[in-house]
Amino acid sequence: MVLGSNTVEGVGLVIFMQNQTPAQVVQALSEAQDLGNGVVLELAGKVQTQGSRVSARYLNKSYVGRALALLGSGKNPLFPKARLTEAPPALHG
């Protein structure tokens, strides 16, 4: 599922993942996120876990992204979001 907005730049993706352990979700979010069309976001910092929520931040030279996984007994929705950024050059290493 792809989500869009008329007020905020960016795109939202919803991916339903069944039968994933918290460790598997953390592993998936620890990797670079390939959004297609040559857009690959690298992990910025560490994956964070708080209760049933697992989140991560990503960036590249043009975009920033955030992923949020909500762990449950059935499907675990994962919401990565990428948008154009005006982040300072220091953030890009």
N, C-alpha and C. Protein backbone atom coordinates (compact mmCIF):
# COMPACT_ATOMS: atom_id res chain seq x y z
N MET A 1 0.84 -1.15 0.00
CA MET A 1 0.00 0.00 0.00
C MET A 1 0.90 1.23 0.00
N VAL A 2 0.61 2.20 -0.85
CA VAL A 2 1.36 3.45 -0.92
C VAL A 2 0.47 4.57 -0.43
N LEU A 3 1.01 5.41 0.46
CA LEU A 3 0.27 6.53 1.02
C LEU A 3 0.86 7.83 0.49
N GLY A 4 0.03 8.82 0.23
CA GLY A 4 0.49 10.12 -0.23
C GLY A 4 -0.17 11.22 0.58
N SER A 5 0.29 12.45 0.38
CA SER A 5 -0.25 13.59 1.11
C SER A 5 -0.27 14.80 0.20
N ASN A 6 -1.29 15.62 0.33
CA ASN A 6 -1.36 16.88 -0.40
C ASN A 6 -0.72 18.02 0.39
N THR A 7 -0.34 17.77 1.64
CA THR A 7 0.20 18.84 2.48
C THR A 7 1.64 18.61 2.93
N VAL A 8 2.13 17.37 2.92
CA VAL A 8 3.48 17.06 3.37
C VAL A 8 4.20 16.31 2.26
N GLU A 9 5.42 16.77 1.94
CA GLU A 9 6.21 16.06 0.93
C GLU A 9 6.52 14.65 1.40
N GLY A 10 6.51 13.72 0.48
CA GLY A 10 6.95 12.38 0.84
C GLY A 10 5.99 11.31 0.38
N VAL A 11 6.37 10.12 0.72
CA VAL A 11 5.57 8.95 0.38
C VAL A 11 5.58 8.03 1.59
N GLY A 12 4.50 7.37 1.82
CA GLY A 12 4.43 6.38 2.89
C GLY A 12 4.15 5.02 2.30
N LEU A 13 4.79 4.02 2.83
CA LEU A 13 4.58 2.65 2.37
C LEU A 13 4.12 1.81 3.56
N VAL A 14 3.16 0.96 3.34
CA VAL A 14 2.71 0.04 4.38
C VAL A 14 2.98 -1.37 3.87
N ILE A 15 3.74 -2.11 4.65
CA ILE A 15 4.08 -3.49 4.30
C ILE A 15 3.64 -4.38 5.45
N PHE A 16 2.79 -5.34 5.17
CA PHE A 16 2.32 -6.25 6.21
C PHE A 16 3.21 -7.48 6.22
N MET A 17 3.76 -7.79 7.39
CA MET A 17 4.67 -8.92 7.54
C MET A 17 4.11 -9.85 8.59
N GLN A 18 3.87 -11.10 8.23
CA GLN A 18 3.36 -12.06 9.19
C GLN A 18 4.47 -12.93 9.74
N ASN A 19 4.22 -13.42 10.95
CA ASN A 19 5.10 -14.41 11.59
C ASN A 19 6.56 -13.94 11.68
N GLN A 20 6.75 -12.67 12.05
CA GLN A 20 8.08 -12.12 12.23
C GLN A 20 8.34 -11.92 13.72
N THR A 21 9.47 -12.38 14.19
CA THR A 21 9.84 -12.14 15.58
C THR A 21 10.36 -10.71 15.70
N PRO A 22 10.35 -10.14 16.91
CA PRO A 22 10.94 -8.81 17.09
C PRO A 22 12.38 -8.75 16.58
N ALA A 23 13.16 -9.80 16.80
CA ALA A 23 14.56 -9.81 16.33
C ALA A 23 14.63 -9.75 14.80
N GLN A 24 13.71 -10.41 14.12
CA GLN A 24 13.70 -10.38 12.65
C GLN A 24 13.34 -8.99 12.14
N VAL A 25 12.42 -8.32 12.82
CA VAL A 25 12.04 -6.96 12.43
C VAL A 25 13.22 -6.02 12.64
N VAL A 26 13.89 -6.12 13.79
CA VAL A 26 15.07 -5.29 14.06
C VAL A 26 16.13 -5.53 12.99
N GLN A 27 16.36 -6.78 12.62
CA GLN A 27 17.35 -7.10 11.59
C GLN A 27 16.97 -6.45 10.26
N ALA A 28 15.70 -6.54 9.88
CA ALA A 28 15.25 -5.95 8.61
C ALA A 28 15.44 -4.44 8.61
N LEU A 29 15.15 -3.79 9.74
CA LEU A 29 15.29 -2.34 9.81
C LEU A 29 16.74 -1.90 9.95
N SER A 30 17.63 -2.81 10.30
CA SER A 30 19.06 -2.50 10.44
C SER A 30 19.76 -2.41 9.10
N GLU A 31 19.10 -2.82 8.05
CA GLU A 31 19.68 -2.82 6.71
C GLU A 31 19.29 -1.55 5.96
N ALA A 32 20.06 -1.21 4.93
CA ALA A 32 19.70 -0.10 4.05
C ALA A 32 18.33 -0.40 3.44
N GLN A 33 17.54 0.64 3.21
CA GLN A 33 16.19 0.48 2.68
C GLN A 33 16.17 0.94 1.22
N ASP A 34 15.93 0.00 0.31
CA ASP A 34 15.87 0.29 -1.12
C ASP A 34 14.43 0.60 -1.48
N LEU A 35 14.15 1.87 -1.82
CA LEU A 35 12.80 2.29 -2.15
C LEU A 35 12.52 2.22 -3.65
N GLY A 36 13.48 1.73 -4.43
CA GLY A 36 13.31 1.63 -5.87
C GLY A 36 13.76 2.90 -6.57
N ASN A 37 13.85 2.83 -7.90
CA ASN A 37 14.26 3.97 -8.73
C ASN A 37 15.58 4.57 -8.28
N GLY A 38 16.49 3.74 -7.77
CA GLY A 38 17.80 4.22 -7.35
C GLY A 38 17.84 4.92 -6.01
N VAL A 39 16.73 4.92 -5.27
CA VAL A 39 16.69 5.57 -3.96
C VAL A 39 16.97 4.52 -2.88
N VAL A 40 18.14 4.63 -2.26
CA VAL A 40 18.52 3.73 -1.17
C VAL A 40 18.84 4.59 0.04
N LEU A 41 18.17 4.33 1.14
CA LEU A 41 18.39 5.08 2.37
C LEU A 41 19.23 4.24 3.32
N GLU A 42 20.28 4.84 3.88
CA GLU A 42 21.16 4.16 4.82
C GLU A 42 20.70 4.42 6.25
N LEU A 43 20.88 3.46 7.12
CA LEU A 43 20.51 3.60 8.52
C LEU A 43 21.30 4.74 9.15
N ALA A 44 20.63 5.62 9.87
CA ALA A 44 21.27 6.74 10.58
C ALA A 44 21.08 6.48 12.07
N GLY A 45 22.09 5.98 12.73
CA GLY A 45 21.98 5.65 14.15
C GLY A 45 21.60 4.19 14.34
N LYS A 46 20.96 3.92 15.46
CA LYS A 46 20.58 2.55 15.80
C LYS A 46 19.07 2.37 15.72
N VAL A 47 18.66 1.15 15.47
CA VAL A 47 17.24 0.81 15.52
C VAL A 47 16.81 0.89 16.98
N GLN A 48 15.67 1.54 17.23
CA GLN A 48 15.16 1.74 18.59
C GLN A 48 13.95 0.83 18.83
N THR A 49 13.89 0.22 19.99
CA THR A 49 12.76 -0.62 20.37
C THR A 49 12.16 -0.10 21.66
N GLN A 50 10.83 0.07 21.67
CA GLN A 50 10.12 0.50 22.86
C GLN A 50 8.78 -0.24 22.89
N GLY A 51 8.69 -1.23 23.74
CA GLY A 51 7.47 -2.04 23.81
C GLY A 51 7.22 -2.74 22.49
N SER A 52 6.05 -2.52 21.90
CA SER A 52 5.70 -3.17 20.64
C SER A 52 6.11 -2.35 19.42
N ARG A 53 6.81 -1.23 19.64
CA ARG A 53 7.24 -0.36 18.54
C ARG A 53 8.73 -0.52 18.27
N VAL A 54 9.06 -0.62 17.00
CA VAL A 54 10.46 -0.67 16.57
C VAL A 54 10.60 0.43 15.52
N SER A 55 11.57 1.33 15.68
CA SER A 55 11.71 2.44 14.74
C SER A 55 13.16 2.64 14.34
N ALA A 56 13.33 3.29 13.19
CA ALA A 56 14.67 3.58 12.68
C ALA A 56 14.61 4.82 11.80
N ARG A 57 15.75 5.52 11.70
CA ARG A 57 15.88 6.70 10.84
C ARG A 57 16.90 6.39 9.75
N TYR A 58 16.67 6.96 8.57
CA TYR A 58 17.53 6.70 7.41
C TYR A 58 17.77 8.01 6.67
N LEU A 59 18.85 8.04 5.88
CA LEU A 59 19.08 9.19 5.01
C LEU A 59 20.03 8.84 3.88
N ASN A 60 19.98 9.68 2.86
CA ASN A 60 20.99 9.69 1.81
C ASN A 60 21.18 11.15 1.44
N LYS A 61 21.81 11.46 0.31
CA LYS A 61 22.11 12.86 -0.03
C LYS A 61 20.87 13.69 -0.33
N SER A 62 19.78 13.06 -0.73
CA SER A 62 18.58 13.79 -1.12
C SER A 62 17.37 13.57 -0.23
N TYR A 63 17.33 12.46 0.48
CA TYR A 63 16.13 12.09 1.20
C TYR A 63 16.43 11.69 2.64
N VAL A 64 15.42 11.85 3.47
CA VAL A 64 15.45 11.27 4.82
C VAL A 64 14.29 10.30 4.91
N GLY A 65 14.37 9.37 5.82
CA GLY A 65 13.30 8.40 5.96
C GLY A 65 13.16 7.94 7.39
N ARG A 66 12.03 7.37 7.68
CA ARG A 66 11.76 6.83 9.01
C ARG A 66 10.94 5.57 8.81
N ALA A 67 11.24 4.55 9.59
CA ALA A 67 10.47 3.31 9.55
C ALA A 67 9.92 3.06 10.94
N LEU A 68 8.70 2.60 10.99
CA LEU A 68 8.06 2.25 12.25
C LEU A 68 7.37 0.91 12.08
N ALA A 69 7.73 -0.03 12.91
CA ALA A 69 7.07 -1.34 12.91
C ALA A 69 6.27 -1.46 14.19
N LEU A 70 5.02 -1.86 14.06
CA LEU A 70 4.16 -2.11 15.21
C LEU A 70 3.97 -3.61 15.30
N LEU A 71 4.53 -4.20 16.33
CA LEU A 71 4.50 -5.65 16.48
C LEU A 71 3.19 -6.08 17.11
N GLY A 72 2.61 -7.12 16.56
CA GLY A 72 1.36 -7.64 17.10
C GLY A 72 1.29 -9.14 16.92
N SER A 73 0.17 -9.70 17.33
CA SER A 73 0.01 -11.15 17.25
C SER A 73 -0.30 -11.62 15.83
N GLY A 74 -0.79 -10.71 14.97
CA GLY A 74 -1.12 -11.09 13.61
C GLY A 74 -0.15 -10.47 12.64
N LYS A 75 -0.58 -9.41 11.97
CA LYS A 75 0.27 -8.75 10.99
C LYS A 75 1.01 -7.60 11.66
N ASN A 76 2.22 -7.36 11.20
CA ASN A 76 3.05 -6.28 11.74
C ASN A 76 3.23 -5.22 10.66
N PRO A 77 2.50 -4.10 10.73
CA PRO A 77 2.68 -3.09 9.69
C PRO A 77 4.00 -2.35 9.86
N LEU A 78 4.64 -2.08 8.75
CA LEU A 78 5.91 -1.37 8.71
C LEU A 78 5.69 -0.13 7.86
N PHE A 79 6.01 1.04 8.40
CA PHE A 79 5.72 2.30 7.72
C PHE A 79 7.01 3.08 7.44
N PRO A 80 7.73 2.80 6.35
CA PRO A 80 8.85 3.67 6.00
C PRO A 80 8.33 4.93 5.31
N LYS A 81 8.97 6.05 5.53
CA LYS A 81 8.58 7.29 4.87
C LYS A 81 9.83 7.99 4.38
N ALA A 82 9.83 8.43 3.14
CA ALA A 82 10.95 9.17 2.59
C ALA A 82 10.45 10.52 2.09
N ARG A 83 11.26 11.55 2.27
CA ARG A 83 10.89 12.86 1.76
C ARG A 83 12.15 13.65 1.45
N LEU A 84 12.01 14.68 0.62
CA LEU A 84 13.15 15.54 0.33
C LEU A 84 13.59 16.23 1.61
N THR A 85 14.88 16.45 1.74
CA THR A 85 15.38 17.07 2.95
C THR A 85 16.32 18.22 2.63
N GLU A 86 16.37 19.17 3.50
CA GLU A 86 17.33 20.26 3.43
C GLU A 86 18.32 20.09 4.57
N ALA A 87 18.61 18.85 4.93
CA ALA A 87 19.49 18.56 6.06
C ALA A 87 20.88 19.16 5.83
N PRO A 88 21.52 19.64 6.90
CA PRO A 88 22.87 20.19 6.77
C PRO A 88 23.84 19.15 6.22
N PRO A 89 24.86 19.58 5.46
CA PRO A 89 25.82 18.64 4.88
C PRO A 89 26.47 17.73 5.92
N ALA A 90 26.61 18.17 7.16
CA ALA A 90 27.23 17.34 8.20
C ALA A 90 26.47 16.04 8.42
N LEU A 91 25.17 16.04 8.17
CA LEU A 91 24.37 14.82 8.35
C LEU A 91 24.69 13.78 7.29
N HIS A 92 25.23 14.21 6.19
CA HIS A 92 25.50 13.29 5.09
C HIS A 92 26.91 12.72 5.12
N GLY A 93 27.66 13.02 6.16
CA GLY A 93 29.01 12.45 6.32
C GLY A 93 29.95 13.02 5.33
